[in-house]
PDB file of all heavy atoms in Angstrom:
ATOM      1  N   SER A   1       0.828  -1.210   0.000  1.00  0.00           N
ATOM      2  CA  SER A   1       0.000   0.000   0.000  1.00  0.00           C
ATOM      3  C   SER A   1       0.861   1.259   0.000  1.00  0.00           C
ATOM      4  O   SER A   1       0.542   2.235  -0.679  1.00  0.00           O
ATOM      5  CB  SER A   1      -0.928   0.007   1.219  1.00  0.00           C
ATOM      6  OG  SER A   1      -1.795  -1.096   1.209  1.00  0.00           O
ATOM      7  N   ASN A   2       1.946   1.227   0.755  1.00  0.00           N
ATOM      8  CA  ASN A   2       2.866   2.369   0.776  1.00  0.00           C
ATOM      9  C   ASN A   2       3.410   2.665  -0.613  1.00  0.00           C
ATOM     10  O   ASN A   2       3.517   3.829  -1.021  1.00  0.00           O
ATOM     11  CB  ASN A   2       4.040   2.100   1.728  1.00  0.00           C
ATOM     12  CG  ASN A   2       3.667   2.153   3.186  1.00  0.00           C
ATOM     13  OD1 ASN A   2       4.475   1.799   4.038  1.00  0.00           O
ATOM     14  ND2 ASN A   2       2.453   2.559   3.512  1.00  0.00           N
ATOM     15  N   GLU A   3       3.747   1.625  -1.351  1.00  0.00           N
ATOM     16  CA  GLU A   3       4.268   1.821  -2.697  1.00  0.00           C
ATOM     17  C   GLU A   3       3.219   2.458  -3.608  1.00  0.00           C
ATOM     18  O   GLU A   3       3.529   3.360  -4.393  1.00  0.00           O
ATOM     19  CB  GLU A   3       4.723   0.476  -3.275  1.00  0.00           C
ATOM     20  CG  GLU A   3       5.902  -0.135  -2.530  1.00  0.00           C
ATOM     21  CD  GLU A   3       6.351  -1.475  -3.081  1.00  0.00           C
ATOM     22  OE1 GLU A   3       5.758  -1.927  -4.094  1.00  0.00           O
ATOM     23  OE2 GLU A   3       7.294  -2.061  -2.526  1.00  0.00           O
ATOM     24  N   LEU A   4       1.979   2.009  -3.476  1.00  0.00           N
ATOM     25  CA  LEU A   4       0.901   2.573  -4.291  1.00  0.00           C
ATOM     26  C   LEU A   4       0.627   4.031  -3.918  1.00  0.00           C
ATOM     27  O   LEU A   4       0.455   4.890  -4.792  1.00  0.00           O
ATOM     28  CB  LEU A   4      -0.373   1.743  -4.106  1.00  0.00           C
ATOM     29  CG  LEU A   4      -0.304   0.277  -4.565  1.00  0.00           C
ATOM     30  CD1 LEU A   4      -1.574  -0.456  -4.149  1.00  0.00           C
ATOM     31  CD2 LEU A   4      -0.099   0.188  -6.071  1.00  0.00           C
ATOM     32  N   MET A   5       0.578   4.305  -2.619  1.00  0.00           N
ATOM     33  CA  MET A   5       0.332   5.674  -2.152  1.00  0.00           C
ATOM     34  C   MET A   5       1.448   6.606  -2.614  1.00  0.00           C
ATOM     35  O   MET A   5       1.202   7.730  -3.051  1.00  0.00           O
ATOM     36  CB  MET A   5       0.224   5.687  -0.623  1.00  0.00           C
ATOM     37  CG  MET A   5      -0.986   4.925  -0.086  1.00  0.00           C
ATOM     38  SD  MET A   5      -0.825   4.506   1.676  1.00  0.00           S
ATOM     39  CE  MET A   5      -0.966   6.137   2.430  1.00  0.00           C
ATOM     40  N   ALA A   6       2.684   6.112  -2.524  1.00  0.00           N
ATOM     41  CA  ALA A   6       3.837   6.928  -2.930  1.00  0.00           C
ATOM     42  C   ALA A   6       3.778   7.258  -4.417  1.00  0.00           C
ATOM     43  O   ALA A   6       4.093   8.385  -4.827  1.00  0.00           O
ATOM     44  CB  ALA A   6       5.134   6.189  -2.600  1.00  0.00           C
ATOM     45  N   HIS A   7       3.340   6.294  -5.225  1.00  0.00           N
ATOM     46  CA  HIS A   7       3.246   6.573  -6.660  1.00  0.00           C
ATOM     47  C   HIS A   7       2.209   7.657  -6.949  1.00  0.00           C
ATOM     48  O   HIS A   7       2.421   8.524  -7.802  1.00  0.00           O
ATOM     49  CB  HIS A   7       2.902   5.316  -7.462  1.00  0.00           C
ATOM     50  CG  HIS A   7       2.818   5.599  -8.929  1.00  0.00           C
ATOM     51  ND1 HIS A   7       1.620   5.861  -9.572  1.00  0.00           N
ATOM     52  CD2 HIS A   7       3.793   5.737  -9.868  1.00  0.00           C
ATOM     53  CE1 HIS A   7       1.865   6.124 -10.847  1.00  0.00           C
ATOM     54  NE2 HIS A   7       3.165   6.054 -11.058  1.00  0.00           N
ATOM     55  N   VAL A   8       1.100   7.611  -6.244  1.00  0.00           N
ATOM     56  CA  VAL A   8       0.057   8.635  -6.432  1.00  0.00           C
ATOM     57  C   VAL A   8       0.635  10.031  -6.187  1.00  0.00           C
ATOM     58  O   VAL A   8       0.429  10.960  -6.984  1.00  0.00           O
ATOM     59  CB  VAL A   8      -1.142   8.375  -5.499  1.00  0.00           C
ATOM     60  CG1 VAL A   8      -2.091   9.570  -5.501  1.00  0.00           C
ATOM     61  CG2 VAL A   8      -1.888   7.112  -5.919  1.00  0.00           C
ATOM     62  N   TYR A   9       1.380  10.182  -5.088  1.00  0.00           N
ATOM     63  CA  TYR A   9       1.925  11.500  -4.741  1.00  0.00           C
ATOM     64  C   TYR A   9       3.031  11.912  -5.718  1.00  0.00           C
ATOM     65  O   TYR A   9       3.188  13.093  -6.035  1.00  0.00           O
ATOM     66  CB  TYR A   9       2.423  11.506  -3.292  1.00  0.00           C
ATOM     67  CG  TYR A   9       1.303  11.861  -2.333  1.00  0.00           C
ATOM     68  CD1 TYR A   9       0.250  10.980  -2.110  1.00  0.00           C
ATOM     69  CD2 TYR A   9       1.281  13.088  -1.680  1.00  0.00           C
ATOM     70  CE1 TYR A   9      -0.788  11.299  -1.267  1.00  0.00           C
ATOM     71  CE2 TYR A   9       0.242  13.427  -0.825  1.00  0.00           C
ATOM     72  CZ  TYR A   9      -0.792  12.529  -0.628  1.00  0.00           C
ATOM     73  OH  TYR A   9      -1.831  12.869   0.212  1.00  0.00           O
ATOM     74  N   SER A  10       3.785  10.946  -6.191  1.00  0.00           N
ATOM     75  CA  SER A  10       4.797  11.250  -7.190  1.00  0.00           C
ATOM     76  C   SER A  10       4.145  11.703  -8.498  1.00  0.00           C
ATOM     77  O   SER A  10       4.586  12.681  -9.123  1.00  0.00           O
ATOM     78  CB  SER A  10       5.660   9.999  -7.439  1.00  0.00           C
ATOM     79  OG  SER A  10       6.675  10.267  -8.370  1.00  0.00           O
ATOM     80  N   HIS A  11       3.077  11.013  -8.891  1.00  0.00           N
ATOM     81  CA  HIS A  11       2.372  11.329 -10.138  1.00  0.00           C
ATOM     82  C   HIS A  11       1.629  12.664 -10.063  1.00  0.00           C
ATOM     83  O   HIS A  11       1.728  13.497 -10.976  1.00  0.00           O
ATOM     84  CB  HIS A  11       1.397  10.198 -10.453  1.00  0.00           C
ATOM     85  CG  HIS A  11       0.477  10.490 -11.607  1.00  0.00           C
ATOM     86  ND1 HIS A  11       0.911  10.491 -12.920  1.00  0.00           N
ATOM     87  CD2 HIS A  11      -0.849  10.796 -11.639  1.00  0.00           C
ATOM     88  CE1 HIS A  11      -0.103  10.790 -13.706  1.00  0.00           C
ATOM     89  NE2 HIS A  11      -1.181  10.980 -12.963  1.00  0.00           N
ATOM     90  N   LEU A  12       0.894  12.880  -8.975  1.00  0.00           N
ATOM     91  CA  LEU A  12       0.065  14.079  -8.868  1.00  0.00           C
ATOM     92  C   LEU A  12       0.862  15.333  -8.545  1.00  0.00           C
ATOM     93  O   LEU A  12       0.560  16.421  -9.048  1.00  0.00           O
ATOM     94  CB  LEU A  12      -1.007  13.883  -7.794  1.00  0.00           C
ATOM     95  CG  LEU A  12      -2.127  12.881  -8.090  1.00  0.00           C
ATOM     96  CD1 LEU A  12      -3.059  12.785  -6.889  1.00  0.00           C
ATOM     97  CD2 LEU A  12      -2.911  13.282  -9.337  1.00  0.00           C
ATOM     98  N   TYR A  13       1.890  15.192  -7.716  1.00  0.00           N
ATOM     99  CA  TYR A  13       2.570  16.368  -7.180  1.00  0.00           C
ATOM    100  C   TYR A  13       4.049  16.438  -7.553  1.00  0.00           C
ATOM    101  O   TYR A  13       4.785  17.266  -7.016  1.00  0.00           O
ATOM    102  CB  TYR A  13       2.407  16.411  -5.657  1.00  0.00           C
ATOM    103  CG  TYR A  13       0.970  16.235  -5.239  1.00  0.00           C
ATOM    104  CD1 TYR A  13       0.568  15.123  -4.506  1.00  0.00           C
ATOM    105  CD2 TYR A  13      -0.013  17.162  -5.614  1.00  0.00           C
ATOM    106  CE1 TYR A  13      -0.765  14.942  -4.143  1.00  0.00           C
ATOM    107  CE2 TYR A  13      -1.341  16.992  -5.263  1.00  0.00           C
ATOM    108  CZ  TYR A  13      -1.712  15.878  -4.529  1.00  0.00           C
ATOM    109  OH  TYR A  13      -3.033  15.699  -4.183  1.00  0.00           O
ATOM    110  N   ASN A  14       4.471  15.533  -8.473  1.00  0.00           N
ATOM    111  CA  ASN A  14       5.856  15.534  -8.946  1.00  0.00           C
ATOM    112  C   ASN A  14       6.855  15.379  -7.795  1.00  0.00           C
ATOM    113  O   ASN A  14       7.944  15.966  -7.815  1.00  0.00           O
ATOM    114  CB  ASN A  14       6.158  16.809  -9.736  1.00  0.00           C
ATOM    115  CG  ASN A  14       7.324  16.619 -10.693  1.00  0.00           C
ATOM    116  OD1 ASN A  14       7.476  15.558 -11.292  1.00  0.00           O
ATOM    117  ND2 ASN A  14       8.148  17.646 -10.830  1.00  0.00           N
ATOM    118  N   LEU A  15       6.476  14.603  -6.785  1.00  0.00           N
ATOM    119  CA  LEU A  15       7.340  14.347  -5.639  1.00  0.00           C
ATOM    120  C   LEU A  15       8.290  13.189  -5.970  1.00  0.00           C
ATOM    121  O   LEU A  15       7.831  12.068  -6.213  1.00  0.00           O
ATOM    122  CB  LEU A  15       6.490  13.993  -4.410  1.00  0.00           C
ATOM    123  CG  LEU A  15       7.245  13.548  -3.159  1.00  0.00           C
ATOM    124  CD1 LEU A  15       8.064  14.701  -2.580  1.00  0.00           C
ATOM    125  CD2 LEU A  15       6.264  13.007  -2.111  1.00  0.00           C
ATOM    126  N   PRO A  16       9.609  13.423  -6.003  1.00  0.00           N
ATOM    127  CA  PRO A  16      10.538  12.316  -6.241  1.00  0.00           C
ATOM    128  C   PRO A  16      10.495  11.318  -5.080  1.00  0.00           C
ATOM    129  O   PRO A  16      10.711  11.699  -3.918  1.00  0.00           O
ATOM    130  CB  PRO A  16      11.906  13.004  -6.323  1.00  0.00           C
ATOM    131  CG  PRO A  16      11.595  14.433  -6.667  1.00  0.00           C
ATOM    132  CD  PRO A  16      10.306  14.725  -5.952  1.00  0.00           C
ATOM    133  N   VAL A  17      10.200  10.067  -5.378  1.00  0.00           N
ATOM    134  CA  VAL A  17      10.002   9.047  -4.354  1.00  0.00           C
ATOM    135  C   VAL A  17      10.729   7.762  -4.758  1.00  0.00           C
ATOM    136  O   VAL A  17      10.625   7.308  -5.896  1.00  0.00           O
ATOM    137  CB  VAL A  17       8.502   8.722  -4.158  1.00  0.00           C
ATOM    138  CG1 VAL A  17       8.327   7.642  -3.109  1.00  0.00           C
ATOM    139  CG2 VAL A  17       7.721   9.963  -3.766  1.00  0.00           C
ATOM    140  N   THR A  18      11.437   7.182  -3.794  1.00  0.00           N
ATOM    141  CA  THR A  18      12.080   5.881  -4.010  1.00  0.00           C
ATOM    142  C   THR A  18      11.697   4.928  -2.891  1.00  0.00           C
ATOM    143  O   THR A  18      11.857   5.272  -1.711  1.00  0.00           O
ATOM    144  CB  THR A  18      13.616   6.007  -4.057  1.00  0.00           C
ATOM    145  OG1 THR A  18      13.981   6.959  -5.061  1.00  0.00           O
ATOM    146  CG2 THR A  18      14.251   4.657  -4.365  1.00  0.00           C
ATOM    147  N   GLY A  19      11.196   3.749  -3.254  1.00  0.00           N
ATOM    148  CA  GLY A  19      10.876   2.716  -2.285  1.00  0.00           C
ATOM    149  C   GLY A  19      11.933   1.627  -2.300  1.00  0.00           C
ATOM    150  O   GLY A  19      12.394   1.205  -3.370  1.00  0.00           O
ATOM    151  N   LEU A  20      12.337   1.182  -1.117  1.00  0.00           N
ATOM    152  CA  LEU A  20      13.394   0.174  -0.992  1.00  0.00           C
ATOM    153  C   LEU A  20      12.832  -1.084  -0.335  1.00  0.00           C
ATOM    154  O   LEU A  20      12.377  -1.042   0.803  1.00  0.00           O
ATOM    155  CB  LEU A  20      14.547   0.724  -0.154  1.00  0.00           C
ATOM    156  CG  LEU A  20      15.213   1.995  -0.702  1.00  0.00           C
ATOM    157  CD1 LEU A  20      16.256   2.514   0.277  1.00  0.00           C
ATOM    158  CD2 LEU A  20      15.836   1.724  -2.062  1.00  0.00           C
ATOM    159  N   ARG A  21      12.876  -2.179  -1.070  1.00  0.00           N
ATOM    160  CA  ARG A  21      12.426  -3.461  -0.528  1.00  0.00           C
ATOM    161  C   ARG A  21      13.613  -4.156   0.136  1.00  0.00           C
ATOM    162  O   ARG A  21      14.471  -4.733  -0.528  1.00  0.00           O
ATOM    163  CB  ARG A  21      11.842  -4.327  -1.649  1.00  0.00           C
ATOM    164  CG  ARG A  21      10.558  -3.749  -2.235  1.00  0.00           C
ATOM    165  CD  ARG A  21      10.078  -4.559  -3.434  1.00  0.00           C
ATOM    166  NE  ARG A  21       8.821  -4.013  -3.967  1.00  0.00           N
ATOM    167  CZ  ARG A  21       8.308  -4.342  -5.147  1.00  0.00           C
ATOM    168  NH1 ARG A  21       8.934  -5.224  -5.932  1.00  0.00           N
ATOM    169  NH2 ARG A  21       7.170  -3.810  -5.550  1.00  0.00           N
ATOM    170  N   PHE A  22      13.652  -4.074   1.456  1.00  0.00           N
ATOM    171  CA  PHE A  22      14.740  -4.683   2.213  1.00  0.00           C
ATOM    172  C   PHE A  22      14.536  -6.196   2.328  1.00  0.00           C
ATOM    173  O   PHE A  22      13.431  -6.670   2.575  1.00  0.00           O
ATOM    174  CB  PHE A  22      14.814  -4.093   3.619  1.00  0.00           C
ATOM    175  CG  PHE A  22      15.137  -2.622   3.654  1.00  0.00           C
ATOM    176  CD1 PHE A  22      14.380  -1.746   4.410  1.00  0.00           C
ATOM    177  CD2 PHE A  22      16.200  -2.112   2.936  1.00  0.00           C
ATOM    178  CE1 PHE A  22      14.670  -0.395   4.455  1.00  0.00           C
ATOM    179  CE2 PHE A  22      16.502  -0.754   2.971  1.00  0.00           C
ATOM    180  CZ  PHE A  22      15.740   0.101   3.737  1.00  0.00           C
ATOM    181  N   PHE A  23      15.639  -6.928   2.192  1.00  0.00           N
ATOM    182  CA  PHE A  23      15.622  -8.380   2.328  1.00  0.00           C
ATOM    183  C   PHE A  23      16.379  -8.791   3.599  1.00  0.00           C
ATOM    184  O   PHE A  23      17.593  -8.722   3.654  1.00  0.00           O
ATOM    185  CB  PHE A  23      16.262  -9.037   1.101  1.00  0.00           C
ATOM    186  CG  PHE A  23      15.348  -9.131  -0.094  1.00  0.00           C
ATOM    187  CD1 PHE A  23      14.984  -7.981  -0.788  1.00  0.00           C
ATOM    188  CD2 PHE A  23      14.855 -10.351  -0.516  1.00  0.00           C
ATOM    189  CE1 PHE A  23      14.136  -8.058  -1.893  1.00  0.00           C
ATOM    190  CE2 PHE A  23      14.003 -10.441  -1.616  1.00  0.00           C
ATOM    191  CZ  PHE A  23      13.640  -9.293  -2.303  1.00  0.00           C
ATOM    192  N   THR A  24      15.645  -9.184   4.626  1.00  0.00           N
ATOM    193  CA  THR A  24      16.166  -9.767   5.870  1.00  0.00           C
ATOM    194  C   THR A  24      17.460  -9.106   6.343  1.00  0.00           C
ATOM    195  O   THR A  24      18.541  -9.712   6.306  1.00  0.00           O
ATOM    196  CB  THR A  24      16.371 -11.292   5.724  1.00  0.00           C
ATOM    197  OG1 THR A  24      15.253 -11.859   5.023  1.00  0.00           O
ATOM    198  CG2 THR A  24      16.473 -11.950   7.098  1.00  0.00           C
ATOM    199  N   ALA A  25      17.343  -7.857   6.775  1.00  0.00           N
ATOM    200  CA  ALA A  25      18.493  -7.136   7.320  1.00  0.00           C
ATOM    201  C   ALA A  25      18.925  -7.748   8.651  1.00  0.00           C
ATOM    202  O   ALA A  25      18.098  -8.146   9.469  1.00  0.00           O
ATOM    203  CB  ALA A  25      18.132  -5.664   7.519  1.00  0.00           C
ATOM    204  N   TYR A  26      20.243  -7.835   8.860  1.00  0.00           N
ATOM    205  CA  TYR A  26      20.765  -8.377  10.116  1.00  0.00           C
ATOM    206  C   TYR A  26      22.102  -7.725  10.426  1.00  0.00           C
ATOM    207  O   TYR A  26      22.738  -7.129   9.550  1.00  0.00           O
ATOM    208  CB  TYR A  26      20.918  -9.903  10.030  1.00  0.00           C
ATOM    209  CG  TYR A  26      22.113 -10.349   9.211  1.00  0.00           C
ATOM    210  CD1 TYR A  26      23.297 -10.756   9.818  1.00  0.00           C
ATOM    211  CD2 TYR A  26      22.075 -10.339   7.814  1.00  0.00           C
ATOM    212  CE1 TYR A  26      24.394 -11.140   9.062  1.00  0.00           C
ATOM    213  CE2 TYR A  26      23.164 -10.723   7.060  1.00  0.00           C
ATOM    214  CZ  TYR A  26      24.332 -11.125   7.687  1.00  0.00           C
ATOM    215  OH  TYR A  26      25.420 -11.496   6.946  1.00  0.00           O
ATOM    216  N   GLY A  27      22.538  -7.849  11.681  1.00  0.00           N
ATOM    217  CA  GLY A  27      23.826  -7.307  12.085  1.00  0.00           C
ATOM    218  C   GLY A  27      23.780  -6.775  13.505  1.00  0.00           C
ATOM    219  O   GLY A  27      22.764  -6.915  14.206  1.00  0.00           O
ATOM    220  N   PRO A  28      24.877  -6.158  13.979  1.00  0.00           N
ATOM    221  CA  PRO A  28      24.925  -5.599  15.332  1.00  0.00           C
ATOM    222  C   PRO A  28      23.787  -4.620  15.596  1.00  0.00           C
ATOM    223  O   PRO A  28      23.372  -3.893  14.693  1.00  0.00           O
ATOM    224  CB  PRO A  28      26.282  -4.881  15.352  1.00  0.00           C
ATOM    225  CG  PRO A  28      27.111  -5.607  14.336  1.00  0.00           C
ATOM    226  CD  PRO A  28      26.160  -6.013  13.253  1.00  0.00           C
ATOM    227  N   TRP A  29      23.277  -4.631  16.793  1.00  0.00           N
ATOM    228  CA  TRP A  29      22.157  -3.786  17.220  1.00  0.00           C
ATOM    229  C   TRP A  29      20.842  -4.194  16.547  1.00  0.00           C
ATOM    230  O   TRP A  29      19.903  -3.437  16.480  1.00  0.00           O
ATOM    231  CB  TRP A  29      22.428  -2.299  16.971  1.00  0.00           C
ATOM    232  CG  TRP A  29      23.583  -1.756  17.754  1.00  0.00           C
ATOM    233  CD1 TRP A  29      24.873  -1.624  17.332  1.00  0.00           C
ATOM    234  CD2 TRP A  29      23.564  -1.299  19.111  1.00  0.00           C
ATOM    235  NE1 TRP A  29      25.652  -1.100  18.334  1.00  0.00           N
ATOM    236  CE2 TRP A  29      24.873  -0.885  19.433  1.00  0.00           C
ATOM    237  CE3 TRP A  29      22.564  -1.176  20.085  1.00  0.00           C
ATOM    238  CZ2 TRP A  29      25.220  -0.382  20.689  1.00  0.00           C
ATOM    239  CZ3 TRP A  29      22.902  -0.667  21.326  1.00  0.00           C
ATOM    240  CH2 TRP A  29      24.214  -0.275  21.616  1.00  0.00           C
ATOM    241  N   GLY A  30      20.792  -5.448  16.061  1.00  0.00           N
ATOM    242  CA  GLY A  30      19.621  -5.926  15.335  1.00  0.00           C
ATOM    243  C   GLY A  30      18.392  -6.127  16.196  1.00  0.00           C
ATOM    244  O   GLY A  30      18.430  -5.992  17.423  1.00  0.00           O
ATOM    245  N   ARG A  31      17.283  -6.476  15.542  1.00  0.00           N
ATOM    246  CA  ARG A  31      15.996  -6.617  16.227  1.00  0.00           C
ATOM    247  C   ARG A  31      15.889  -7.950  16.960  1.00  0.00           C
ATOM    248  O   ARG A  31      16.179  -9.001  16.394  1.00  0.00           O
ATOM    249  CB  ARG A  31      14.859  -6.515  15.210  1.00  0.00           C
ATOM    250  CG  ARG A  31      14.503  -5.095  14.846  1.00  0.00           C
ATOM    251  CD  ARG A  31      13.551  -5.014  13.675  1.00  0.00           C
ATOM    252  NE  ARG A  31      12.537  -6.051  13.633  1.00  0.00           N
ATOM    253  CZ  ARG A  31      11.824  -6.347  12.549  1.00  0.00           C
ATOM    254  NH1 ARG A  31      12.043  -5.679  11.417  1.00  0.00           N
ATOM    255  NH2 ARG A  31      10.913  -7.299  12.578  1.00  0.00           N
ATOM    256  N   PRO A  32      15.418  -7.931  18.213  1.00  0.00           N
ATOM    257  CA  PRO A  32      15.285  -9.162  18.991  1.00  0.00           C
ATOM    258  C   PRO A  32      14.225 -10.123  18.475  1.00  0.00           C
ATOM    259  O   PRO A  32      14.198 -11.277  18.898  1.00  0.00           O
ATOM    260  CB  PRO A  32      14.892  -8.649  20.393  1.00  0.00           C
ATOM    261  CG  PRO A  32      15.297  -7.229  20.436  1.00  0.00           C
ATOM    262  CD  PRO A  32      15.152  -6.729  19.031  1.00  0.00           C
ATOM    263  N   ASP A  33      13.340  -9.663  17.579  1.00  0.00           N
ATOM    264  CA  ASP A  33      12.309 -10.556  17.039  1.00  0.00           C
ATOM    265  C   ASP A  33      12.765 -11.264  15.771  1.00  0.00           C
ATOM    266  O   ASP A  33      12.020 -12.069  15.206  1.00  0.00           O
ATOM    267  CB  ASP A  33      11.023  -9.774  16.757  1.00  0.00           C
ATOM    268  CG  ASP A  33      11.214  -8.694  15.697  1.00  0.00           C
ATOM    269  OD1 ASP A  33      12.255  -8.012  15.723  1.00  0.00           O
ATOM    270  OD2 ASP A  33      10.314  -8.519  14.849  1.00  0.00           O
ATOM    271  N   MET A  34      13.980 -10.988  15.313  1.00  0.00           N
ATOM    272  CA  MET A  34      14.494 -11.601  14.091  1.00  0.00           C
ATOM    273  C   MET A  34      15.278 -12.877  14.409  1.00  0.00           C
ATOM    274  O   MET A  34      15.791 -13.056  15.515  1.00  0.00           O
ATOM    275  CB  MET A  34      15.378 -10.605  13.335  1.00  0.00           C
ATOM    276  CG  MET A  34      14.647  -9.346  12.890  1.00  0.00           C
ATOM    277  SD  MET A  34      13.448  -9.662  11.568  1.00  0.00           S
ATOM    278  CE  MET A  34      14.537  -9.724  10.147  1.00  0.00           C
ATOM    279  N   ALA A  35      15.397 -13.745  13.402  1.00  0.00           N
ATOM    280  CA  ALA A  35      15.947 -15.084  13.612  1.00  0.00           C
ATOM    281  C   ALA A  35      17.338 -15.073  14.244  1.00  0.00           C
ATOM    282  O   ALA A  35      17.599 -15.837  15.188  1.00  0.00           O
ATOM    283  CB  ALA A  35      15.988 -15.832  12.281  1.00  0.00           C
TER     284      ALA A  35
END
């Protein structure tokens, strides 16, 4: 939904928008709910 909403605002208002699909980020200070 965020991607769709962002496209609407980019199209209607010429707002430069980039969406990033993160794939299983991990490392120091990571989230306790992750594997």
